[in-house]
PDB file of N, CA and C in Angstrom:
ATOM      1  N   MET A   1      -3.490  35.893 -71.055  1.00  0.00           N
ATOM      2  CA  MET A   1      -4.012  35.110 -72.117  1.00  0.00           C
ATOM      3  C   MET A   1      -5.018  34.264 -71.545  1.00  0.00           C
ATOM      4  N   GLN A   2      -6.051  34.076 -72.687  1.00  0.00           N
ATOM      5  CA  GLN A   2      -7.058  33.362 -72.509  1.00  0.00           C
ATOM      6  C   GLN A   2      -6.883  31.929 -73.014  1.00  0.00           C
ATOM      7  N   PRO A   3      -6.428  30.798 -72.431  1.00  0.00           N
ATOM      8  CA  PRO A   3      -6.214  29.600 -72.934  1.00  0.00           C
ATOM      9  C   PRO A   3      -7.169  28.789 -73.484  1.00  0.00           C
ATOM     10  N   GLN A   4      -8.253  28.978 -73.172  1.00  0.00           N
ATOM     11  CA  GLN A   4      -9.660  28.297 -73.420  1.00  0.00           C
ATOM     12  C   GLN A   4     -10.188  29.010 -74.927  1.00  0.00           C
ATOM     13  N   LEU A   5      -9.969  30.430 -75.163  1.00  0.00           N
ATOM     14  CA  LEU A   5     -10.265  30.952 -76.264  1.00  0.00           C
ATOM     15  C   LEU A   5      -9.119  30.543 -77.543  1.00  0.00           C
ATOM     16  N   LEU A   6      -7.961  30.447 -76.960  1.00  0.00           N
ATOM     17  CA  LEU A   6      -6.775  29.914 -78.065  1.00  0.00           C
ATOM     18  C   LEU A   6      -7.345  28.543 -78.388  1.00  0.00           C
ATOM     19  N   LYS A   7      -7.522  27.668 -77.471  1.00  0.00           N
ATOM     20  CA  LYS A   7      -7.778  26.332 -77.763  1.00  0.00           C
ATOM     21  C   LYS A   7      -9.045  26.068 -78.554  1.00  0.00           C
ATOM     22  N   GLY A   8     -10.136  27.001 -78.524  1.00  0.00           N
ATOM     23  CA  GLY A   8     -11.290  26.918 -79.050  1.00  0.00           C
ATOM     24  C   GLY A   8     -10.945  27.355 -80.783  1.00  0.00           C
ATOM     25  N   ALA A   9     -10.005  28.355 -80.917  1.00  0.00           N
ATOM     26  CA  ALA A   9      -9.549  28.685 -82.173  1.00  0.00           C
ATOM     27  C   ALA A   9      -8.645  27.503 -82.837  1.00  0.00           C
ATOM     28  N   ILE A  10      -8.245  26.685 -82.245  1.00  0.00           N
ATOM     29  CA  ILE A  10      -7.480  25.659 -82.778  1.00  0.00           C
ATOM     30  C   ILE A  10      -8.468  24.589 -83.255  1.00  0.00           C
ATOM     31  N   VAL A  11      -9.247  24.260 -82.214  1.00  0.00           N
ATOM     32  CA  VAL A  11     -10.382  23.289 -82.863  1.00  0.00           C
ATOM     33  C   VAL A  11     -11.113  23.821 -83.928  1.00  0.00           C
ATOM     34  N   GLU A  12     -11.643  25.282 -83.717  1.00  0.00           N
ATOM     35  CA  GLU A  12     -12.351  25.893 -84.996  1.00  0.00           C
ATOM     36  C   GLU A  12     -11.726  25.394 -86.256  1.00  0.00           C
ATOM     37  N   ARG A  13     -10.280  25.416 -86.411  1.00  0.00           N
ATOM     38  CA  ARG A  13      -9.495  25.535 -87.723  1.00  0.00           C
ATOM     39  C   ARG A  13      -9.509  23.744 -88.006  1.00  0.00           C
ATOM     40  N   GLY A  14      -9.801  22.895 -87.092  1.00  0.00           N
ATOM     41  CA  GLY A  14      -9.683  21.697 -87.385  1.00  0.00           C
ATOM     42  C   GLY A  14      -8.070  21.055 -87.239  1.00  0.00           C
ATOM     43  N   LEU A  15      -7.473  21.914 -86.278  1.00  0.00           N
ATOM     44  CA  LEU A  15      -6.334  21.419 -85.992  1.00  0.00           C
ATOM     45  C   LEU A  15      -5.970  20.848 -84.661  1.00  0.00           C
ATOM     46  N   THR A  16      -4.814  20.068 -84.305  1.00  0.00           N
ATOM     47  CA  THR A  16      -4.632  19.936 -82.925  1.00  0.00           C
ATOM     48  C   THR A  16      -3.365  20.497 -82.408  1.00  0.00           C
ATOM     49  N   VAL A  17      -3.425  20.641 -81.045  1.00  0.00           N
ATOM     50  CA  VAL A  17      -2.138  21.222 -80.449  1.00  0.00           C
ATOM     51  C   VAL A  17      -0.970  20.888 -80.899  1.00  0.00           C
ATOM     52  N   LYS A  18      -0.705  19.499 -81.144  1.00  0.00           N
ATOM     53  CA  LYS A  18       0.525  18.781 -81.747  1.00  0.00           C
ATOM     54  C   LYS A  18       0.633  19.712 -83.233  1.00  0.00           C
ATOM     55  N   LYS A  19      -0.218  19.766 -83.944  1.00  0.00           N
ATOM     56  CA  LYS A  19       0.307  20.100 -85.260  1.00  0.00           C
ATOM     57  C   LYS A  19       0.327  21.744 -84.975  1.00  0.00           C
ATOM     58  N   VAL A  20      -0.306  22.677 -84.496  1.00  0.00           N
ATOM     59  CA  VAL A  20       0.062  23.884 -84.232  1.00  0.00           C
ATOM     60  C   VAL A  20       1.486  24.057 -83.824  1.00  0.00           C
ATOM     61  N   ALA A  21       1.916  23.160 -82.798  1.00  0.00           N
ATOM     62  CA  ALA A  21       3.087  23.166 -82.127  1.00  0.00           C
ATOM     63  C   ALA A  21       4.033  23.069 -83.469  1.00  0.00           C
ATOM     64  N   GLU A  22       3.953  21.983 -84.213  1.00  0.00           N
ATOM     65  CA  GLU A  22       4.883  21.736 -85.508  1.00  0.00           C
ATOM     66  C   GLU A  22       4.907  22.786 -86.216  1.00  0.00           C
ATOM     67  N   MET A  23       3.775  23.626 -86.564  1.00  0.00           N
ATOM     68  CA  MET A  23       3.889  24.566 -87.438  1.00  0.00           C
ATOM     69  C   MET A  23       4.630  25.950 -87.200  1.00  0.00           C
ATOM     70  N   LEU A  24       4.646  25.752 -85.554  1.00  0.00           N
ATOM     71  CA  LEU A  24       5.215  26.843 -85.026  1.00  0.00           C
ATOM     72  C   LEU A  24       6.909  26.559 -84.919  1.00  0.00           C
ATOM     73  N   ASN A  25       7.293  25.395 -85.356  1.00  0.00           N
ATOM     74  CA  ASN A  25       8.528  24.711 -84.864  1.00  0.00           C
ATOM     75  C   ASN A  25       9.027  24.855 -83.508  1.00  0.00           C
ATOM     76  N   MET A  26       8.041  24.476 -82.712  1.00  0.00           N
ATOM     77  CA  MET A  26       8.268  24.068 -81.250  1.00  0.00           C
ATOM     78  C   MET A  26       7.848  22.617 -80.903  1.00  0.00           C
ATOM     79  N   THR A  27       8.329  22.258 -79.674  1.00  0.00           N
ATOM     80  CA  THR A  27       7.901  20.897 -79.426  1.00  0.00           C
ATOM     81  C   THR A  27       6.582  21.293 -78.749  1.00  0.00           C
ATOM     82  N   ARG A  28       5.792  19.981 -78.655  1.00  0.00           N
ATOM     83  CA  ARG A  28       4.333  20.159 -77.959  1.00  0.00           C
ATOM     84  C   ARG A  28       4.420  20.416 -76.731  1.00  0.00           C
ATOM     85  N   ASN A  29       5.608  19.978 -75.773  1.00  0.00           N
ATOM     86  CA  ASN A  29       5.800  20.384 -74.467  1.00  0.00           C
ATOM     87  C   ASN A  29       6.006  22.031 -74.368  1.00  0.00           C
ATOM     88  N   THR A  30       6.675  22.679 -75.195  1.00  0.00           N
ATOM     89  CA  THR A  30       6.876  23.947 -75.133  1.00  0.00           C
ATOM     90  C   THR A  30       5.772  24.889 -75.525  1.00  0.00           C
ATOM     91  N   PHE A  31       4.838  24.162 -76.514  1.00  0.00           N
ATOM     92  CA  PHE A  31       3.693  24.950 -76.765  1.00  0.00           C
ATOM     93  C   PHE A  31       2.781  24.851 -75.520  1.00  0.00           C
ATOM     94  N   TYR A  32       2.582  23.798 -74.851  1.00  0.00           N
ATOM     95  CA  TYR A  32       1.875  23.483 -73.761  1.00  0.00           C
ATOM     96  C   TYR A  32       2.136  24.481 -72.606  1.00  0.00           C
ATOM     97  N   THR A  33       3.423  24.677 -72.333  1.00  0.00           N
ATOM     98  CA  THR A  33       3.725  25.422 -71.369  1.00  0.00           C
ATOM     99  C   THR A  33       3.406  26.915 -71.600  1.00  0.00           C
ATOM    100  N   ARG A  34       3.570  27.523 -72.927  1.00  0.00           N
ATOM    101  CA  ARG A  34       2.749  28.683 -73.301  1.00  0.00           C
ATOM    102  C   ARG A  34       1.376  28.588 -73.118  1.00  0.00           C
ATOM    103  N   LEU A  35       0.749  27.692 -73.568  1.00  0.00           N
ATOM    104  CA  LEU A  35      -0.817  27.830 -73.683  1.00  0.00           C
ATOM    105  C   LEU A  35      -1.231  27.596 -72.332  1.00  0.00           C
ATOM    106  N   ASN A  36      -0.675  27.007 -71.569  1.00  0.00           N
ATOM    107  CA  ASN A  36      -0.901  26.864 -69.946  1.00  0.00           C
ATOM    108  C   ASN A  36      -0.514  28.053 -69.005  1.00  0.00           C
ATOM    109  N   GLY A  37       0.175  29.134 -69.855  1.00  0.00           N
ATOM    110  CA  GLY A  37       0.461  30.245 -68.991  1.00  0.00           C
ATOM    111  C   GLY A  37       1.931  30.189 -68.305  1.00  0.00           C
ATOM    112  N   GLN A  38       2.478  29.119 -68.560  1.00  0.00           N
ATOM    113  CA  GLN A  38       3.699  28.927 -67.459  1.00  0.00           C
ATOM    114  C   GLN A  38       4.780  29.822 -68.033  1.00  0.00           C
ATOM    115  N   THR A  39       4.664  30.133 -69.490  1.00  0.00           N
ATOM    116  CA  THR A  39       5.474  31.132 -70.038  1.00  0.00           C
ATOM    117  C   THR A  39       4.881  31.863 -70.992  1.00  0.00           C
ATOM    118  N   SER A  40       5.393  32.624 -71.622  1.00  0.00           N
ATOM    119  CA  SER A  40       4.553  33.727 -72.512  1.00  0.00           C
ATOM    120  C   SER A  40       4.827  33.253 -73.933  1.00  0.00           C
ATOM    121  N   PHE A  41       4.012  33.570 -75.054  1.00  0.00           N
ATOM    122  CA  PHE A  41       4.412  33.573 -76.094  1.00  0.00           C
ATOM    123  C   PHE A  41       4.857  34.817 -76.650  1.00  0.00           C
ATOM    124  N   ASP A  42       6.152  34.666 -77.501  1.00  0.00           N
ATOM    125  CA  ASP A  42       6.645  36.363 -77.949  1.00  0.00           C
ATOM    126  C   ASP A  42       5.734  36.710 -79.024  1.00  0.00           C
ATOM    127  N   THR A  43       6.180  37.929 -79.312  1.00  0.00           N
ATOM    128  CA  THR A  43       5.167  38.535 -80.311  1.00  0.00           C
ATOM    129  C   THR A  43       5.157  37.903 -81.900  1.00  0.00           C
ATOM    130  N   GLU A  44       6.425  37.539 -82.194  1.00  0.00           N
ATOM    131  CA  GLU A  44       6.470  36.740 -83.386  1.00  0.00           C
ATOM    132  C   GLU A  44       5.803  35.411 -83.250  1.00  0.00           C
ATOM    133  N   GLU A  45       5.785  34.812 -82.185  1.00  0.00           N
ATOM    134  CA  GLU A  45       4.752  33.388 -82.135  1.00  0.00           C
ATOM    135  C   GLU A  45       3.290  33.934 -82.186  1.00  0.00           C
ATOM    136  N   ILE A  46       2.955  34.784 -81.465  1.00  0.00           N
ATOM    137  CA  ILE A  46       1.618  35.320 -81.586  1.00  0.00           C
ATOM    138  C   ILE A  46       1.165  35.809 -83.101  1.00  0.00           C
ATOM    139  N   GLU A  47       2.110  36.399 -83.873  1.00  0.00           N
ATOM    140  CA  GLU A  47       1.804  36.542 -84.986  1.00  0.00           C
ATOM    141  C   GLU A  47       1.616  35.504 -85.864  1.00  0.00           C
ATOM    142  N   LYS A  48       2.485  34.325 -85.701  1.00  0.00           N
ATOM    143  CA  LYS A  48       2.566  33.292 -86.409  1.00  0.00           C
ATOM    144  C   LYS A  48       0.995  32.447 -86.090  1.00  0.00           C
ATOM    145  N   LEU A  49       0.697  32.314 -84.856  1.00  0.00           N
ATOM    146  CA  LEU A  49      -0.434  31.847 -84.502  1.00  0.00           C
ATOM    147  C   LEU A  49      -1.752  32.237 -85.010  1.00  0.00           C
ATOM    148  N   CYS A  50      -1.688  33.658 -85.105  1.00  0.00           N
ATOM    149  CA  CYS A  50      -2.815  34.273 -85.612  1.00  0.00           C
ATOM    150  C   CYS A  50      -2.878  33.962 -87.187  1.00  0.00           C
ATOM    151  N   HIS A  51      -1.593  33.800 -87.973  1.00  0.00           N
ATOM    152  CA  HIS A  51      -1.919  33.644 -89.116  1.00  0.00           C
ATOM    153  C   HIS A  51      -2.334  32.176 -89.459  1.00  0.00           C
ATOM    154  N   ILE A  52      -1.694  31.078 -88.489  1.00  0.00           N
ATOM    155  CA  ILE A  52      -2.014  29.784 -88.570  1.00  0.00           C
ATOM    156  C   ILE A  52      -3.511  29.677 -88.550  1.00  0.00           C
ATOM    157  N   LEU A  53      -4.153  30.405 -87.293  1.00  0.00           N
ATOM    158  CA  LEU A  53      -5.324  30.147 -87.072  1.00  0.00           C
ATOM    159  C   LEU A  53      -6.622  31.050 -87.563  1.00  0.00           C
ATOM    160  N   GLN A  54      -6.068  32.059 -88.560  1.00  0.00           N
ATOM    161  CA  GLN A  54      -6.654  32.764 -89.354  1.00  0.00           C
ATOM    162  C   GLN A  54      -7.536  34.000 -88.621  1.00  0.00           C
ATOM    163  N   ILE A  55      -6.826  34.335 -87.517  1.00  0.00           N
ATOM    164  CA  ILE A  55      -7.436  35.377 -86.679  1.00  0.00           C
ATOM    165  C   ILE A  55      -6.688  36.797 -87.141  1.00  0.00           C
ATOM    166  N   ASP A  56      -7.874  37.332 -87.793  1.00  0.00           N
ATOM    167  CA  ASP A  56      -7.703  38.696 -88.273  1.00  0.00           C
ATOM    168  C   ASP A  56      -8.039  39.702 -87.401  1.00  0.00           C
ATOM    169  N   ASP A  57      -9.110  39.622 -86.834  1.00  0.00           N
ATOM    170  CA  ASP A  57      -9.673  40.748 -86.190  1.00  0.00           C
ATOM    171  C   ASP A  57      -8.902  41.184 -84.804  1.00  0.00           C
ATOM    172  N   ASN A  58      -8.541  42.337 -84.860  1.00  0.00           N
ATOM    173  CA  ASN A  58      -7.611  42.909 -83.619  1.00  0.00           C
ATOM    174  C   ASN A  58      -8.418  42.666 -82.371  1.00  0.00           C
ATOM    175  N   LYS A  59      -9.637  43.084 -82.397  1.00  0.00           N
ATOM    176  CA  LYS A  59     -10.427  42.803 -80.803  1.00  0.00           C
ATOM    177  C   LYS A  59     -10.288  41.581 -80.606  1.00  0.00           C
ATOM    178  N   ARG A  60     -10.285  40.393 -81.407  1.00  0.00           N
ATOM    179  CA  ARG A  60     -10.122  38.965 -81.114  1.00  0.00           C
ATOM    180  C   ARG A  60      -8.877  38.582 -80.671  1.00  0.00           C
ATOM    181  N   LYS A  61      -7.665  38.992 -81.156  1.00  0.00           N
ATOM    182  CA  LYS A  61      -6.167  38.983 -80.808  1.00  0.00           C
ATOM    183  C   LYS A  61      -6.192  39.488 -79.391  1.00  0.00           C
ATOM    184  N   ILE A  62      -6.765  40.725 -79.289  1.00  0.00           N
ATOM    185  CA  ILE A  62      -6.607  41.153 -77.620  1.00  0.00           C
ATOM    186  C   ILE A  62      -7.201  40.178 -76.648  1.00  0.00           C
ATOM    187  N   GLU A  63      -8.375  40.032 -77.037  1.00  0.00           N
ATOM    188  CA  GLU A  63      -9.102  38.911 -76.095  1.00  0.00           C
ATOM    189  C   GLU A  63      -8.444  37.743 -75.842  1.00  0.00           C
ATOM    190  N   ILE A  64      -7.834  37.182 -77.086  1.00  0.00           N
ATOM    191  CA  ILE A  64      -6.980  35.955 -76.709  1.00  0.00           C
ATOM    192  C   ILE A  64      -5.830  36.085 -76.008  1.00  0.00           C
ATOM    193  N   PHE A  65      -4.882  36.975 -76.597  1.00  0.00           N
ATOM    194  CA  PHE A  65      -3.555  37.281 -76.194  1.00  0.00           C
ATOM    195  C   PHE A  65      -3.299  38.263 -74.982  1.00  0.00           C
ATOM    196  N   LEU A  66      -4.225  39.201 -74.745  1.00  0.00           N
ATOM    197  CA  LEU A  66      -3.755  40.374 -73.818  1.00  0.00           C
ATOM    198  C   LEU A  66      -4.741  40.298 -72.749  1.00  0.00           C
ATOM    199  N   THR A  67      -5.839  39.557 -72.434  1.00  0.00           N
ATOM    200  CA  THR A  67      -6.344  39.655 -71.319  1.00  0.00           C
ATOM    201  C   THR A  67      -6.285  38.356 -70.232  1.00  0.00           C
TER     202      THR A  67
END
């Protein structure tokens, strides 16, 4: 995963990490552990993140979450 790209996508949408965590129904600490690569997002969380951040391009999804 590329945390900087994900953080950039959050900023592009005018959101905060705290707000995105709330939208995913997880604590800010849990979101940060995933964002920083200590644990991984599951596929459902990735799908929700892409929806929240309006990431529709499969190439961008791969770039953020699978590299």
